[in-house]
Protein backbone atom coordinates (compact mmCIF):
# COMPACT_ATOMS: atom_id res chain seq x y z
CA MET A 1 -43.01 1.87 -24.08
CA LYS A 2 -39.75 3.19 -25.52
CA ARG A 3 -39.95 6.19 -23.24
CA ARG A 4 -40.41 3.94 -20.21
CA TRP A 5 -37.33 1.95 -21.15
CA LEU A 6 -35.30 5.11 -21.60
CA THR A 7 -36.49 6.40 -18.23
CA ALA A 8 -35.69 3.10 -16.53
CA GLY A 9 -32.27 3.03 -18.16
CA ALA A 10 -31.53 6.59 -17.08
CA LEU A 11 -32.58 5.82 -13.51
CA ALA A 12 -30.43 2.68 -13.45
CA PHE A 13 -27.47 4.67 -14.79
CA VAL A 14 -27.89 7.31 -12.08
CA LEU A 15 -28.31 4.69 -9.36
CA VAL A 16 -25.24 2.67 -10.36
CA ASN A 17 -23.12 5.82 -10.53
CA ALA A 18 -24.46 7.00 -7.17
CA VAL A 19 -23.50 3.68 -5.56
CA ALA A 20 -20.04 3.81 -7.17
CA PHE A 21 -19.56 7.45 -6.13
CA PHE A 22 -20.42 6.58 -2.51
CA HIS A 23 -18.13 3.52 -2.60
CA ALA A 24 -15.27 5.59 -3.96
CA TRP A 25 -15.64 8.28 -1.31
CA ARG A 26 -15.69 5.81 1.57
CA PHE A 27 -12.84 3.80 0.06
CA THR A 28 -10.58 6.87 -0.07
CA HIS A 29 -11.71 8.72 3.07
CA PHE A 30 -11.52 7.44 6.62
CA SER A 31 -14.09 8.30 9.26
CA ASP A 32 -13.14 10.64 12.10
CA GLU A 33 -15.29 8.56 14.43
CA ALA A 34 -13.62 5.87 16.51
CA GLY A 35 -14.70 2.33 15.81
CA ALA A 36 -13.70 -1.07 14.54
CA LYS A 37 -12.15 -1.58 11.14
CA GLN A 38 -14.48 -3.11 8.54
CA ALA A 39 -14.02 -6.88 8.37
CA SER A 40 -12.59 -8.25 5.13
CA PRO A 41 -15.18 -9.29 2.52
CA GLU A 42 -14.20 -12.95 2.92
CA GLN A 43 -15.34 -12.86 6.56
CA LEU A 44 -18.77 -11.32 5.96
CA SER A 45 -22.15 -13.05 5.83
CA ALA A 46 -24.32 -12.83 2.71
CA LEU A 47 -26.44 -10.09 4.30
CA GLN A 48 -23.34 -8.14 5.36
CA LYS A 49 -21.92 -8.44 1.85
CA ALA A 50 -25.17 -7.11 0.37
CA THR A 51 -25.12 -4.17 2.77
CA LEU A 52 -21.48 -3.47 1.98
CA LEU A 53 -22.25 -3.59 -1.73
CA LEU A 54 -24.83 -0.83 -1.32
CA THR A 55 -23.10 1.38 1.24
CA GLY A 56 -19.39 0.85 0.65
CA VAL A 57 -16.66 0.17 3.19
CA GLN A 58 -16.43 2.56 6.14
CA ASN A 59 -13.25 2.49 8.17
CA PRO A 60 -12.16 4.77 11.02
CA LYS A 61 -8.84 6.55 10.61
CA PRO A 62 -6.13 4.01 11.50
CA VAL A 63 -4.55 4.58 14.90
CA ASN A 64 -1.17 3.30 16.04
CA GLN A 65 -1.83 0.52 18.53
CA ALA A 66 1.73 0.15 19.86
CA THR A 67 5.02 1.98 20.15
CA PRO A 68 8.55 0.66 19.54
CA ALA A 69 10.29 -1.31 22.28
CA PHE A 70 13.58 0.08 20.92
CA LEU A 71 14.81 3.66 21.30
CA TYR A 72 13.27 6.08 18.83
CA GLN A 73 12.26 9.67 18.30
CA THR A 74 9.07 11.00 16.74
CA VAL A 75 9.79 13.24 13.75
CA LEU A 76 7.42 15.34 11.65
CA LEU A 77 7.97 15.53 7.90
CA ASP A 78 6.45 17.89 5.38
CA SER A 79 4.75 16.38 2.34
CA PRO A 80 2.46 17.85 -0.34
CA ASN A 81 -0.21 15.78 1.44
CA GLY A 82 0.31 17.50 4.82
CA ARG A 83 2.36 16.97 7.95
CA LEU A 84 3.50 13.36 8.39
CA GLU A 85 4.43 11.57 11.60
CA ALA A 86 7.29 9.09 11.63
CA TRP A 87 9.38 7.15 14.13
CA PHE A 88 13.12 7.39 13.53
CA SER A 89 15.46 4.97 15.24
CA PRO A 90 19.17 5.33 14.41
CA VAL A 91 21.59 2.58 15.44
CA PRO A 92 25.27 3.14 16.30
CA ASN A 93 27.64 2.67 13.37
CA ALA A 94 24.74 1.94 11.04
CA LEU A 95 25.44 -0.07 7.90
CA GLY A 96 22.63 1.78 6.19
CA GLN A 97 19.03 2.92 6.57
CA VAL A 98 15.60 1.44 5.85
CA ALA A 99 12.33 3.34 5.42
CA LEU A 100 9.20 1.25 6.05
CA PHE A 101 5.77 1.94 4.54
CA HIS A 102 2.50 0.32 5.60
CA GLY A 103 -0.51 -0.84 3.59
CA TYR A 104 -4.09 0.36 3.12
CA THR A 105 -5.94 0.98 6.44
CA GLY A 106 -2.61 0.43 8.19
CA ASP A 107 -0.19 2.50 10.24
CA LYS A 108 3.47 2.46 11.19
CA SER A 109 2.91 0.35 14.32
CA LYS A 110 2.00 -2.58 12.03
CA LEU A 111 5.65 -2.75 10.93
CA LEU A 112 7.40 -2.88 14.31
CA THR A 113 8.45 -6.52 13.89
CA GLU A 114 9.99 -5.74 10.51
CA ALA A 115 11.74 -2.66 11.93
CA GLU A 116 13.19 -4.74 14.77
CA PHE A 117 14.61 -7.16 12.23
CA PHE A 118 16.25 -4.44 10.16
CA ARG A 119 17.76 -2.90 13.29
CA SER A 120 19.17 -6.31 14.27
CA GLN A 121 20.95 -6.34 10.90
CA GLY A 122 22.63 -3.01 11.67
CA PHE A 123 20.26 -0.59 9.90
CA SER A 124 18.69 2.59 11.21
CA VAL A 125 14.95 2.62 10.52
CA LEU A 126 12.23 5.13 9.75
CA LEU A 127 8.59 4.04 10.10
CA LEU A 128 6.14 6.41 8.41
CA ASP A 129 2.41 7.03 8.72
CA PHE A 130 1.10 7.89 5.28
CA ALA A 131 -1.08 11.00 5.10
CA GLY A 132 -4.53 10.22 6.49
CA ASN A 133 -3.20 7.39 8.66
CA GLY A 134 -1.97 7.10 12.25
CA GLY A 135 -0.41 10.31 13.55
CA SER A 136 -0.24 12.04 10.17
CA GLU A 137 -2.63 14.77 9.09
CA GLY A 138 -5.85 14.21 7.19
CA VAL A 139 -8.32 11.38 6.62
CA GLN A 140 -7.76 10.87 2.89
CA THR A 141 -6.00 7.99 1.13
CA THR A 142 -5.32 7.52 -2.56
CA VAL A 143 -4.23 3.89 -2.15
CA GLY A 144 -0.70 4.47 -3.37
CA TYR A 145 -0.84 7.42 -5.78
CA ARG A 146 -0.25 10.51 -3.63
CA GLU A 147 1.38 8.30 -1.01
CA ALA A 148 4.35 8.27 -3.40
CA ASP A 149 4.95 11.89 -2.36
CA ASP A 150 5.14 10.69 1.25
CA VAL A 151 7.72 8.08 0.22
CA ALA A 152 9.74 10.86 -1.39
CA ALA A 153 9.55 12.95 1.80
CA ALA A 154 10.79 10.03 3.93
CA PHE A 155 13.56 9.31 1.42
CA ALA A 156 14.72 12.95 1.51
CA PHE A 157 14.77 12.91 5.32
CA LEU A 158 16.96 9.81 5.48
CA LYS A 159 19.31 11.12 2.79
CA GLU A 160 20.03 14.05 5.10
CA GLN A 161 20.84 11.77 8.04
CA LEU A 162 23.49 9.51 6.51
CA PRO A 163 23.94 10.61 2.90
CA SER A 164 26.79 8.21 2.10
CA THR A 165 25.23 4.97 3.39
CA PRO A 166 22.94 2.53 1.55
CA LEU A 167 19.25 3.41 1.75
CA PHE A 168 16.62 0.69 1.31
CA LEU A 169 12.86 1.08 0.92
CA TYR A 170 10.46 -1.54 2.30
CA GLY A 171 6.74 -1.42 1.53
CA VAL A 172 3.69 -3.61 2.01
CA SER A 173 0.74 -3.66 -0.42
CA MET A 174 -0.23 0.01 -0.88
CA GLY A 175 3.16 0.97 0.52
CA ALA A 176 4.87 -1.15 -2.12
CA VAL A 177 2.89 0.50 -4.92
CA ALA A 178 3.72 3.93 -3.50
CA ILE A 179 7.42 3.02 -3.64
CA LEU A 180 7.08 1.92 -7.26
CA ARG A 181 5.45 5.20 -8.27
CA ALA A 182 7.97 7.25 -6.27
CA GLU A 183 10.80 5.54 -8.13
CA SER A 184 9.10 5.62 -11.52
CA GLU A 185 7.71 9.18 -11.53
CA LEU A 186 9.20 11.20 -8.66
CA GLY A 187 12.91 10.55 -9.08
CA VAL A 188 13.43 8.58 -5.86
CA ARG A 189 16.57 6.43 -6.22
CA PRO A 190 17.14 4.07 -3.30
CA THR A 191 19.94 1.54 -3.12
CA ALA A 192 17.32 -1.19 -3.46
CA ALA A 193 13.66 -1.87 -2.67
CA ILE A 194 11.79 -4.70 -0.96
CA LEU A 195 8.16 -5.00 -2.02
CA GLU A 196 5.58 -7.23 -0.37
CA CYS A 197 2.35 -8.01 -2.26
CA PRO A 198 1.97 -4.86 -4.40
CA TYR A 199 -1.33 -4.91 -6.32
CA GLY A 200 -1.25 -4.75 -10.11
CA SER A 201 -3.42 -1.68 -10.69
CA MET A 202 -6.16 0.32 -9.04
CA LEU A 203 -8.68 -1.17 -11.45
CA GLN A 204 -7.57 -4.72 -10.74
CA THR A 205 -7.63 -4.26 -6.97
CA ALA A 206 -11.16 -2.82 -7.24
CA LYS A 207 -12.19 -5.84 -9.31
CA ASN A 208 -10.66 -8.19 -6.75
CA ARG A 209 -12.74 -6.62 -3.98
CA PHE A 210 -15.98 -7.08 -5.89
CA HIS A 211 -14.99 -10.65 -6.66
CA ALA A 212 -14.54 -11.16 -2.91
CA LEU A 213 -18.16 -10.02 -2.51
CA GLN A 214 -19.07 -12.61 -5.15
CA VAL A 215 -20.64 -10.06 -7.49
CA PRO A 216 -19.67 -9.12 -11.06
CA ALA A 217 -16.93 -6.51 -11.06
CA PHE A 218 -18.15 -4.70 -14.18
CA PRO A 219 -19.26 -1.92 -14.25
CA LEU A 220 -19.01 -1.05 -10.55
CA ALA A 221 -15.23 -1.56 -10.29
CA ASN A 222 -14.62 0.67 -13.32
CA LEU A 223 -16.96 3.34 -12.00
CA LEU A 224 -15.42 3.15 -8.54
CA VAL A 225 -11.97 3.80 -10.03
CA PHE A 226 -13.32 6.64 -12.17
CA TRP A 227 -15.11 8.40 -9.32
CA GLY A 228 -12.25 7.75 -6.89
CA GLY A 229 -9.92 9.55 -9.25
CA VAL A 230 -12.34 12.43 -9.81
CA GLN A 231 -12.90 12.90 -6.08
CA ASN A 232 -9.18 12.88 -5.32
CA GLY A 233 -7.89 14.82 -8.32
CA PHE A 234 -5.98 12.24 -10.37
CA TRP A 235 -6.62 9.74 -13.17
CA ALA A 236 -6.86 6.54 -11.14
CA PHE A 237 -6.72 4.25 -14.20
CA ASP A 238 -3.04 5.25 -14.50
CA LEU A 239 -2.29 3.84 -11.04
CA ASP A 240 -0.57 0.78 -12.49
CA ALA A 241 2.26 -1.01 -10.70
CA ARG A 242 3.29 -2.91 -13.82
CA ALA A 243 3.78 0.32 -15.78
CA TYR A 244 5.77 1.80 -12.91
CA ALA A 245 7.94 -1.34 -12.66
CA SER A 246 8.87 -1.16 -16.34
CA ARG A 247 10.65 2.16 -15.71
CA ILE A 248 12.63 1.06 -12.64
CA GLN A 249 16.29 0.04 -12.70
CA THR A 250 16.64 -0.29 -8.91
CA PRO A 251 17.47 -3.77 -7.56
CA THR A 252 14.15 -5.10 -6.29
CA LEU A 253 13.05 -8.01 -4.13
CA LEU A 254 9.42 -8.98 -4.72
CA LEU A 255 7.63 -11.07 -2.06
CA TYR A 256 4.19 -12.67 -2.41
CA GLY A 257 1.89 -15.03 -0.48
CA LEU A 258 0.44 -17.72 -2.72
CA THR A 259 -2.98 -17.77 -1.02
CA ASP A 260 -3.48 -13.99 -1.14
CA PRO A 261 -7.19 -13.21 -1.76
CA ARG A 262 -6.51 -9.54 -2.53
CA VAL A 263 -3.64 -9.76 -5.02
CA THR A 264 -3.46 -12.45 -7.68
CA ARG A 265 -0.47 -14.50 -8.76
CA GLN A 266 -0.95 -13.11 -12.28
CA GLU A 267 -0.62 -9.51 -11.02
CA THR A 268 2.55 -10.37 -9.12
CA ASP A 269 4.11 -12.26 -12.01
CA ALA A 270 3.36 -9.32 -14.34
CA ILE A 271 5.03 -6.82 -12.00
CA TYR A 272 8.08 -9.04 -11.67
CA ALA A 273 8.34 -9.53 -15.43
CA ALA A 274 8.11 -5.75 -15.98
CA LEU A 275 10.91 -4.80 -13.58
CA SER A 276 13.80 -3.52 -15.68
CA GLY A 277 16.66 -3.74 -13.19
CA PRO A 278 18.20 -6.57 -11.14
CA LYS A 279 15.39 -8.48 -9.50
CA GLN A 280 14.66 -11.37 -7.19
CA ARG A 281 11.43 -12.91 -5.97
CA ARG A 282 10.29 -15.24 -3.22
CA TYR A 283 6.79 -16.69 -3.03
CA PHE A 284 5.49 -18.11 0.26
CA ALA A 285 3.05 -21.03 0.39
CA GLY A 286 0.02 -21.03 2.69
CA VAL A 287 0.04 -17.31 3.47
CA GLY A 288 -2.27 -14.56 2.26
CA HIS A 289 -2.42 -10.77 2.50
CA GLU A 290 -0.67 -10.74 5.84
CA PRO A 291 2.86 -10.51 7.27
CA TYR A 292 4.87 -13.37 5.79
CA HIS A 293 7.13 -13.56 8.82
CA SER A 294 4.15 -14.72 10.89
CA LYS A 295 4.21 -18.15 9.19
CA HIS A 296 7.60 -18.21 7.45
CA GLN A 297 9.85 -16.33 9.85
CA VAL A 298 13.10 -18.12 8.99
CA ALA A 299 12.58 -17.99 5.21
CA TRP A 300 11.42 -14.36 5.31
CA ARG A 301 14.37 -13.23 7.40
CA SER A 302 16.98 -15.17 5.44
CA THR A 303 15.63 -13.98 2.07
CA ILE A 304 15.78 -10.34 3.09
CA GLN A 305 19.12 -10.74 4.84
CA ARG A 306 20.75 -12.12 1.69
CA PHE A 307 19.16 -9.38 -0.42
CA LEU A 308 20.50 -6.66 1.89
CA GLN A 309 23.97 -8.14 1.85
CA ARG A 310 23.97 -8.50 -1.93
CA ASN A 311 23.05 -4.84 -2.42
CA MET A 312 25.35 -3.16 0.09
CA LEU A 313 27.58 -0.57 -1.54
């Protein structure tokens, strides 16, 4: 009997790890095949959630669905993650520059509205596809860890364009976490940063996704983070926005939607509390993990406008 229990336990251990390994691979690698993006867990039926729990999310490589209506040039940047594609749009007599970074399963075309706003305020803009996304090389994502190297590459490019003008970084979700790591660990020093809905840690965001499937997060979330790190060559448990924030002196504006199903209020409050430098926050009611300007255009624009003005050199 004891031997049977040991055998059953060993099989269960192998099965759970196999499921987590498969989840981790699909979570950090896009498919080369064209197709629709996986619907969010909140939109799935019970059967679809069960299937997703066993097979993991499978998303095609994000593709830019639009191009800027304003004048721009496509530039290619070198990063340790490969060749990156970006859209650079200088404005005459620019007051400064803004680099924009998208979220997980996103691309630079998702930030065209934000770029238009920054240009209207007198700033040149650079919209970047992270490695594995849009027009950039690869199909791999590390959900903010190695993307920090891409932030550093974009920062270096803009510093060469107008070295004496203010340089702001704007990131959404994964892009916000990548900015935090770039500042904390890679020596990137912008004039200021604007962060929308950064997640607290890789482990917490994995837990949140399992909660969205209405299944216990332990141990699958922990195993997913472990295997995701092993597969991509870094210790994913150290991907922690709160720890990064504690080492940052840059003026930072933190934005959050109060009905966000992916990032909790507790995560956001912890990041804000950890920020060491000048900081400001604005929370928006009735909006989730989505562009805040879609429901709070006036408040979003005015909050950022005041922040830009306050941090001009």
